[in-house]
Amino acid sequence: MAIKNLLITGSNGCVGQYLIDWFLRNTRFRLYLMVRDKNKLPLAIQKNKRIKLLTCDIRECNRFSKEISQVNFLIHTATAWGDPKRAYDVNIKAFEELVGMLEKDKLEKIIYFSTASILNEQCELMRESLTYGTEYIQTKYKCFERLKESSFAEKTFAVFPTLVFGGTLNKRSKYPVSYLTSGLKEINKWLWMARFLKLDSKFHFIHANDIAQICGFLIKNYKEENYKGFKKFVLGQNFISIDDAINILLKRNGMNRYFSIPLTKTIMKILLRVLPIQMTPWDSFSIKKYNFNHVPITNPEKLNLKSYARTLQDVLRLAKLPGCNIN
């Protein structure tokens, strides 16, 4: 049986390196890794004989058009934010140019990474994300619309990660630390104050390791009759509330909670009007939206797999979050 070729973009990132590790351990695939700086990859990956590095900015991917044309599977995680022009050039233009280099007869499946921020509770496109969203959110919305109408829609799985944790908060982290995991230390600093507030806003989260095994399942178990047509998957564990998360952190740090002030949706709206806080349109919309839960969601258990981090307690343990030692 011929060895399949898998291209992963954004390979330097947290999710990208979990994907690399999963496919090296669980498949015989040849991995094409698109990276801007190969030195950010571990030496073991750089020297692995099953790996070919495509060192370039995705906006210059035409330098590797020959390799791209040999790809059987594409997992696209590369993204950009901050600058509107760069966000458009990377998130829409460069991606569509990359897809245009794929050979349709060889290509079996695309896994396209978007963001759950563009979806409402029923997992349908949320128009407000285009109206109020950052340049990152707006470009993800537009790219998703164009992709589902493209000639590649039949071969595409669109995945929408919720809040992503990954890596460890020590110097020996094997993987890059996700933005949310790195922010856990800052949350610990403010836990003494957070214990006096009660917020029932709901959210999902998922660990990058679980994202990798879901993507692996979708590719390894791919059968046209079972997964025909454009499909989307919101990746996350069952939702919890911010108040639940605070209680978990308090218990972990041995802190007591004698009382708490409920911050209802109405109170939050009033505070937005009276407090001198500078907020982006997306910040304001997110606070008014209040809840960030989706139905349905996909986690490893939904695919008869076992989650690496099913609970927030698992996430905190795996992140090696130090205690804050405040009573």
Foldseek 3Di string as FASTA:
>chain_A
DDAAEEEEEPCLAQLNVLLVVCCVVPHQHQYEYEEQDCVSADPCQVPDPSYDYPHDQLLPSVVPLVVLQRHAEYEYDDADFDDLVVRLSRLAVSVVVSVVSYNVVRYQAYEYEAALVQADQARDGDVVCCVFNGSNSNSSSVRVVVCCVDPCQFRYEYEHEWAEAGWADDPPTPGDGDPVLVCVQVCLVCLVVCLQADAFAKGWHAYSNQVSVVVVCCVVVDDCVVRTGHHYAYAGAAMGGVRVVSVVLCVVQVHDRPHYDYCDLVNLLVCVVPDPDDDGSVRVVCSNVRYSHHPPHDTQVVVVGDGCQRDVVSSCVNRVDDHSNDD
